[in-house]
């Protein structure tokens, strides 16, 4: 997020932001990208998990000229600034983070200070992950059973938080749990359930 905001802020300041700029992130990436993109009038496009989907968006932009790719990111800290590659680029990410650090230091701040400034401006975001490993044919069957159960009996609370909406990427739908309104995810099918929490 530090790199994304740095790029967007400085491009706006230097008047080098392309027309129809876009950030591209995977569905499991922090929601902090949403207010940052909005702040800099940049479209935020979500894709399925995996940098190959970000690469597909770059290609689509080049073909249909709907957007200009500015930055791509995924939850595993991978990112890409520029269109010279179609995968995450650790070398450029480190250089950009060093540039962010130098920019902050010139203003008497650390990267942590810059992050705290972003939290104050955009809100605090808590991300977490847990894994369950189920191996073999039996494991695959158990995963299917659990996913089917979660689809048939939607949960209303997770971790003490109210479920506001459920995205079912296998069905291609997003259901608002308050209104019951169902809309499309506009993404390819994938056996993923995504819970938007209060």
C-alpha atoms as a PDB file:
ATOM      1  CA  UNK A   1       0.000   0.000   0.000  1.00  0.00           C
ATOM      2  CA  UNK A   2       2.943   2.317   0.684  1.00  0.00           C
ATOM      3  CA  UNK A   3       4.232   1.782  -2.848  1.00  0.00           C
ATOM      4  CA  UNK A   4       0.789   2.064  -4.462  1.00  0.00           C
ATOM      5  CA  UNK A   5       0.015   5.363  -2.756  1.00  0.00           C
ATOM      6  CA  UNK A   6       3.502   6.695  -3.432  1.00  0.00           C
ATOM      7  CA  UNK A   7       3.154   6.008  -7.168  1.00  0.00           C
ATOM      8  CA  UNK A   8      -0.351   7.464  -7.403  1.00  0.00           C
ATOM      9  CA  UNK A   9       0.414  10.528  -5.282  1.00  0.00           C
ATOM     10  CA  UNK A  10       3.631  11.403  -7.095  1.00  0.00           C
ATOM     11  CA  UNK A  11       2.166  10.806 -10.542  1.00  0.00           C
ATOM     12  CA  UNK A  12      -0.712  13.158  -9.708  1.00  0.00           C
ATOM     13  CA  UNK A  13       1.719  15.731  -8.300  1.00  0.00           C
ATOM     14  CA  UNK A  14       4.045  15.476 -11.337  1.00  0.00           C
ATOM     15  CA  UNK A  15       1.102  15.413 -13.760  1.00  0.00           C
ATOM     16  CA  UNK A  16       2.276  12.092 -15.232  1.00  0.00           C
ATOM     17  CA  UNK A  17      -0.829  10.034 -14.419  1.00  0.00           C
ATOM     18  CA  UNK A  18      -2.120   8.386 -17.594  1.00  0.00           C
ATOM     19  CA  UNK A  19      -5.749   8.675 -18.648  1.00  0.00           C
ATOM     20  CA  UNK A  20      -8.008   5.970 -17.205  1.00  0.00           C
ATOM     21  CA  UNK A  21      -5.424   4.702 -14.694  1.00  0.00           C
ATOM     22  CA  UNK A  22      -5.997   1.335 -13.032  1.00  0.00           C
ATOM     23  CA  UNK A  23      -4.723  -0.544 -10.023  1.00  0.00           C
ATOM     24  CA  UNK A  24      -5.241  -4.298 -10.361  1.00  0.00           C
ATOM     25  CA  UNK A  25      -5.428  -6.487  -7.280  1.00  0.00           C
ATOM     26  CA  UNK A  26      -6.426 -10.043  -6.497  1.00  0.00           C
ATOM     27  CA  UNK A  27      -9.628 -10.749  -4.548  1.00  0.00           C
ATOM     28  CA  UNK A  28      -7.651 -11.713  -1.439  1.00  0.00           C
ATOM     29  CA  UNK A  29      -5.669  -8.462  -1.288  1.00  0.00           C
ATOM     30  CA  UNK A  30      -6.303  -5.851   1.395  1.00  0.00           C
ATOM     31  CA  UNK A  31      -9.358  -3.640   1.020  1.00  0.00           C
ATOM     32  CA  UNK A  32      -7.139  -0.650   1.818  1.00  0.00           C
ATOM     33  CA  UNK A  33      -6.527  -0.396  -1.930  1.00  0.00           C
ATOM     34  CA  UNK A  34     -10.146   0.732  -2.430  1.00  0.00           C
ATOM     35  CA  UNK A  35      -9.956   4.117  -0.651  1.00  0.00           C
ATOM     36  CA  UNK A  36      -6.449   4.740  -2.003  1.00  0.00           C
ATOM     37  CA  UNK A  37      -7.627   4.188  -5.578  1.00  0.00           C
ATOM     38  CA  UNK A  38     -10.664   6.396  -4.942  1.00  0.00           C
ATOM     39  CA  UNK A  39      -8.486   9.173  -3.486  1.00  0.00           C
ATOM     40  CA  UNK A  40      -6.464   9.331  -6.703  1.00  0.00           C
ATOM     41  CA  UNK A  41      -9.401   8.788  -9.100  1.00  0.00           C
ATOM     42  CA  UNK A  42      -7.984   5.471 -10.215  1.00  0.00           C
ATOM     43  CA  UNK A  43     -10.077   2.441 -11.094  1.00  0.00           C
ATOM     44  CA  UNK A  44      -9.485  -0.597  -8.910  1.00  0.00           C
ATOM     45  CA  UNK A  45      -9.991  -3.861 -10.730  1.00  0.00           C
ATOM     46  CA  UNK A  46     -10.171  -7.116  -8.793  1.00  0.00           C
ATOM     47  CA  UNK A  47      -9.152 -10.409 -10.355  1.00  0.00           C
ATOM     48  CA  UNK A  48      -8.941 -13.975  -9.111  1.00  0.00           C
ATOM     49  CA  UNK A  49      -5.963 -15.001  -7.004  1.00  0.00           C
ATOM     50  CA  UNK A  50      -2.706 -15.360  -8.898  1.00  0.00           C
ATOM     51  CA  UNK A  51      -0.517 -12.882 -10.701  1.00  0.00           C
ATOM     52  CA  UNK A  52      -1.370 -14.479 -14.045  1.00  0.00           C
ATOM     53  CA  UNK A  53      -4.774 -12.780 -13.785  1.00  0.00           C
ATOM     54  CA  UNK A  54      -3.110  -9.404 -13.265  1.00  0.00           C
ATOM     55  CA  UNK A  55      -1.026 -10.135 -16.373  1.00  0.00           C
ATOM     56  CA  UNK A  56      -4.234 -10.926 -18.277  1.00  0.00           C
ATOM     57  CA  UNK A  57      -5.631  -7.516 -17.318  1.00  0.00           C
ATOM     58  CA  UNK A  58      -2.499  -5.787 -18.610  1.00  0.00           C
ATOM     59  CA  UNK A  59      -2.914  -7.596 -21.934  1.00  0.00           C
ATOM     60  CA  UNK A  60      -6.626  -6.715 -22.056  1.00  0.00           C
ATOM     61  CA  UNK A  61      -5.855  -3.023 -21.427  1.00  0.00           C
ATOM     62  CA  UNK A  62      -3.319  -3.087 -24.255  1.00  0.00           C
ATOM     63  CA  UNK A  63      -5.904  -4.611 -26.587  1.00  0.00           C
ATOM     64  CA  UNK A  64      -9.043  -2.638 -25.718  1.00  0.00           C
ATOM     65  CA  UNK A  65      -7.401   0.598 -24.437  1.00  0.00           C
ATOM     66  CA  UNK A  66      -9.970   0.780 -21.618  1.00  0.00           C
ATOM     67  CA  UNK A  67      -7.356   1.568 -18.940  1.00  0.00           C
ATOM     68  CA  UNK A  68      -3.688   2.258 -18.412  1.00  0.00           C
ATOM     69  CA  UNK A  69      -2.071  -0.133 -15.958  1.00  0.00           C
ATOM     70  CA  UNK A  70      -0.339   1.712 -13.115  1.00  0.00           C
ATOM     71  CA  UNK A  71       0.229  -0.892 -10.406  1.00  0.00           C
ATOM     72  CA  UNK A  72      -0.650  -4.509  -9.631  1.00  0.00           C
ATOM     73  CA  UNK A  73      -0.582  -6.212  -6.249  1.00  0.00           C
ATOM     74  CA  UNK A  74      -1.559  -9.368  -4.423  1.00  0.00           C
ATOM     75  CA  UNK A  75      -1.781 -10.378  -0.780  1.00  0.00           C
ATOM     76  CA  UNK A  76       1.499 -12.272  -0.786  1.00  0.00           C
ATOM     77  CA  UNK A  77       3.338  -8.944  -1.096  1.00  0.00           C
ATOM     78  CA  UNK A  78       3.897  -9.377  -4.801  1.00  0.00           C
ATOM     79  CA  UNK A  79       3.607  -6.253  -6.903  1.00  0.00           C
ATOM     80  CA  UNK A  80       4.359  -4.868 -10.334  1.00  0.00           C
ATOM     81  CA  UNK A  81       4.850  -1.267 -11.408  1.00  0.00           C
ATOM     82  CA  UNK A  82       4.888  -1.022 -15.174  1.00  0.00           C
ATOM     83  CA  UNK A  83       3.977  -3.373 -18.004  1.00  0.00           C
ATOM     84  CA  UNK A  84       7.385  -4.819 -18.875  1.00  0.00           C
ATOM     85  CA  UNK A  85       6.543  -8.059 -17.022  1.00  0.00           C
ATOM     86  CA  UNK A  86       3.439 -10.130 -16.429  1.00  0.00           C
ATOM     87  CA  UNK A  87       4.436 -11.378 -13.003  1.00  0.00           C
ATOM     88  CA  UNK A  88       5.431  -9.875  -9.680  1.00  0.00           C
ATOM     89  CA  UNK A  89       8.841  -8.251  -9.675  1.00  0.00           C
ATOM     90  CA  UNK A  90      10.717  -8.358  -6.378  1.00  0.00           C
ATOM     91  CA  UNK A  91      13.630  -6.262  -7.679  1.00  0.00           C
ATOM     92  CA  UNK A  92      11.442  -3.315  -8.662  1.00  0.00           C
ATOM     93  CA  UNK A  93       9.353  -3.721  -5.489  1.00  0.00           C
ATOM     94  CA  UNK A  94      12.497  -3.395  -3.340  1.00  0.00           C
ATOM     95  CA  UNK A  95      13.733  -0.398  -5.331  1.00  0.00           C
ATOM     96  CA  UNK A  96      10.346   1.302  -4.997  1.00  0.00           C
ATOM     97  CA  UNK A  97      10.225   0.591  -1.278  1.00  0.00           C
ATOM     98  CA  UNK A  98      13.707   2.118  -0.944  1.00  0.00           C
ATOM     99  CA  UNK A  99      12.459   5.141  -2.885  1.00  0.00           C
ATOM    100  CA  UNK A 100       9.459   5.392  -0.513  1.00  0.00           C
ATOM    101  CA  UNK A 101      11.845   5.170   2.455  1.00  0.00           C
ATOM    102  CA  UNK A 102      14.088   7.910   1.029  1.00  0.00           C
ATOM    103  CA  UNK A 103      11.038  10.087   0.294  1.00  0.00           C
ATOM    104  CA  UNK A 104       9.817   9.613   3.871  1.00  0.00           C
ATOM    105  CA  UNK A 105      13.254  10.201   5.378  1.00  0.00           C
ATOM    106  CA  UNK A 106      13.580  13.482   3.459  1.00  0.00           C
ATOM    107  CA  UNK A 107      10.433  14.566   5.291  1.00  0.00           C
ATOM    108  CA  UNK A 108      11.700  13.401   8.691  1.00  0.00           C
ATOM    109  CA  UNK A 109       9.636  10.206   8.742  1.00  0.00           C
ATOM    110  CA  UNK A 110      10.142   6.466   8.667  1.00  0.00           C
ATOM    111  CA  UNK A 111       8.156   3.992   6.579  1.00  0.00           C
ATOM    112  CA  UNK A 112       6.234   3.118   9.746  1.00  0.00           C
ATOM    113  CA  UNK A 113       5.348   6.812  10.160  1.00  0.00           C
ATOM    114  CA  UNK A 114       4.138   6.839   6.544  1.00  0.00           C
ATOM    115  CA  UNK A 115       2.055   3.715   7.186  1.00  0.00           C
ATOM    116  CA  UNK A 116       0.495   5.286  10.292  1.00  0.00           C
ATOM    117  CA  UNK A 117      -0.361   8.353   8.203  1.00  0.00           C
ATOM    118  CA  UNK A 118      -2.104   6.068   5.728  1.00  0.00           C
ATOM    119  CA  UNK A 119      -4.037   4.313   8.513  1.00  0.00           C
ATOM    120  CA  UNK A 120      -5.227   7.680   9.824  1.00  0.00           C
ATOM    121  CA  UNK A 121      -6.262   8.768   6.338  1.00  0.00           C
ATOM    122  CA  UNK A 122      -7.805   5.542   4.975  1.00  0.00           C
ATOM    123  CA  UNK A 123      -8.689   3.544   8.071  1.00  0.00           C
ATOM    124  CA  UNK A 124      -7.207   0.529   9.784  1.00  0.00           C
ATOM    125  CA  UNK A 125      -7.283  -2.851   8.054  1.00  0.00           C
ATOM    126  CA  UNK A 126      -6.712  -6.164   9.752  1.00  0.00           C
ATOM    127  CA  UNK A 127      -5.676  -9.005   7.493  1.00  0.00           C
ATOM    128  CA  UNK A 128      -5.256 -12.581   8.565  1.00  0.00           C
ATOM    129  CA  UNK A 129      -4.982 -16.020   7.128  1.00  0.00           C
ATOM    130  CA  UNK A 130      -5.377 -19.555   8.355  1.00  0.00           C
ATOM    131  CA  UNK A 131      -4.893 -22.796   6.493  1.00  0.00           C
ATOM    132  CA  UNK A 132      -6.386 -26.247   6.665  1.00  0.00           C
ATOM    133  CA  UNK A 133      -4.523 -28.913   4.720  1.00  0.00           C
ATOM    134  CA  UNK A 134      -6.510 -31.936   3.561  1.00  0.00           C
ATOM    135  CA  UNK A 135      -4.559 -34.318   1.350  1.00  0.00           C
ATOM    136  CA  UNK A 136      -5.428 -36.918  -1.228  1.00  0.00           C
ATOM    137  CA  UNK A 137      -8.775 -38.033  -2.582  1.00  0.00           C
ATOM    138  CA  UNK A 138     -10.317 -38.081   0.893  1.00  0.00           C
ATOM    139  CA  UNK A 139      -9.105 -34.551   1.524  1.00  0.00           C
ATOM    140  CA  UNK A 140     -10.520 -33.313  -1.783  1.00  0.00           C
ATOM    141  CA  UNK A 141     -13.863 -34.930  -0.911  1.00  0.00           C
ATOM    142  CA  UNK A 142     -13.875 -33.296   2.520  1.00  0.00           C
ATOM    143  CA  UNK A 143     -13.140 -29.895   0.973  1.00  0.00           C
ATOM    144  CA  UNK A 144     -16.076 -30.357  -1.428  1.00  0.00           C
ATOM    145  CA  UNK A 145     -18.376 -31.343   1.456  1.00  0.00           C
ATOM    146  CA  UNK A 146     -17.334 -28.326   3.527  1.00  0.00           C
ATOM    147  CA  UNK A 147     -17.764 -25.925   0.611  1.00  0.00           C
ATOM    148  CA  UNK A 148     -21.191 -27.413  -0.208  1.00  0.00           C
ATOM    149  CA  UNK A 149     -22.253 -27.060   3.439  1.00  0.00           C
ATOM    150  CA  UNK A 150     -21.115 -23.438   3.559  1.00  0.00           C
ATOM    151  CA  UNK A 151     -23.055 -22.711   0.368  1.00  0.00           C
ATOM    152  CA  UNK A 152     -26.203 -24.461   1.592  1.00  0.00           C
ATOM    153  CA  UNK A 153     -26.148 -22.972   5.113  1.00  0.00           C
ATOM    154  CA  UNK A 154     -24.557 -19.513   4.902  1.00  0.00           C
ATOM    155  CA  UNK A 155     -22.975 -18.288   8.118  1.00  0.00           C
ATOM    156  CA  UNK A 156     -24.161 -14.973   9.552  1.00  0.00           C
ATOM    157  CA  UNK A 157     -21.125 -14.330  11.792  1.00  0.00           C
ATOM    158  CA  UNK A 158     -17.421 -15.129  11.399  1.00  0.00           C
ATOM    159  CA  UNK A 159     -14.909 -14.446  14.152  1.00  0.00           C
ATOM    160  CA  UNK A 160     -17.457 -12.338  16.004  1.00  0.00           C
ATOM    161  CA  UNK A 161     -18.102 -10.153  12.946  1.00  0.00           C
ATOM    162  CA  UNK A 162     -21.381  -9.947  11.072  1.00  0.00           C
ATOM    163  CA  UNK A 163     -21.307 -11.245   7.490  1.00  0.00           C
ATOM    164  CA  UNK A 164     -22.500  -8.361   5.304  1.00  0.00           C
ATOM    165  CA  UNK A 165     -22.193 -10.108   1.946  1.00  0.00           C
ATOM    166  CA  UNK A 166     -21.036 -13.407   0.469  1.00  0.00           C
ATOM    167  CA  UNK A 167     -19.265 -13.696  -2.854  1.00  0.00           C
ATOM    168  CA  UNK A 168     -19.517 -17.157  -4.379  1.00  0.00           C
ATOM    169  CA  UNK A 169     -17.075 -17.217  -7.254  1.00  0.00           C
ATOM    170  CA  UNK A 170     -18.229 -20.696  -8.355  1.00  0.00           C
ATOM    171  CA  UNK A 171     -21.728 -19.294  -8.921  1.00  0.00           C
ATOM    172  CA  UNK A 172     -20.389 -15.900 -10.016  1.00  0.00           C
ATOM    173  CA  UNK A 173     -22.592 -14.085  -7.501  1.00  0.00           C
ATOM    174  CA  UNK A 174     -22.418 -11.620  -4.629  1.00  0.00           C
ATOM    175  CA  UNK A 175     -25.311 -11.729  -2.155  1.00  0.00           C
ATOM    176  CA  UNK A 176     -26.027  -8.840   0.199  1.00  0.00           C
ATOM    177  CA  UNK A 177     -27.043 -10.578   3.432  1.00  0.00           C
ATOM    178  CA  UNK A 178     -29.160  -7.618   4.614  1.00  0.00           C
ATOM    179  CA  UNK A 179     -31.202  -6.981   1.475  1.00  0.00           C
ATOM    180  CA  UNK A 180     -30.910 -10.360  -0.233  1.00  0.00           C
ATOM    181  CA  UNK A 181     -29.858  -8.564  -3.432  1.00  0.00           C
ATOM    182  CA  UNK A 182     -27.759 -10.753  -5.724  1.00  0.00           C
ATOM    183  CA  UNK A 183     -25.335  -9.293  -8.257  1.00  0.00           C
ATOM    184  CA  UNK A 184     -22.611 -10.676 -10.502  1.00  0.00           C
ATOM    185  CA  UNK A 185     -18.938 -10.879  -9.550  1.00  0.00           C
ATOM    186  CA  UNK A 186     -17.998 -10.465 -13.231  1.00  0.00           C
ATOM    187  CA  UNK A 187     -15.102 -12.886 -12.773  1.00  0.00           C
ATOM    188  CA  UNK A 188     -14.382 -16.378 -14.091  1.00  0.00           C
ATOM    189  CA  UNK A 189     -15.661 -19.287 -12.026  1.00  0.00           C
ATOM    190  CA  UNK A 190     -13.488 -20.478  -9.159  1.00  0.00           C
ATOM    191  CA  UNK A 191     -14.356 -22.573  -6.097  1.00  0.00           C
ATOM    192  CA  UNK A 192     -13.957 -19.659  -3.683  1.00  0.00           C
ATOM    193  CA  UNK A 193     -16.262 -18.191  -1.030  1.00  0.00           C
ATOM    194  CA  UNK A 194     -15.463 -14.660   0.097  1.00  0.00           C
ATOM    195  CA  UNK A 195     -17.107 -13.120   3.167  1.00  0.00           C
ATOM    196  CA  UNK A 196     -17.394  -9.359   3.548  1.00  0.00           C
ATOM    197  CA  UNK A 197     -17.469  -8.669   7.279  1.00  0.00           C
ATOM    198  CA  UNK A 198     -18.616  -5.782   9.428  1.00  0.00           C
END
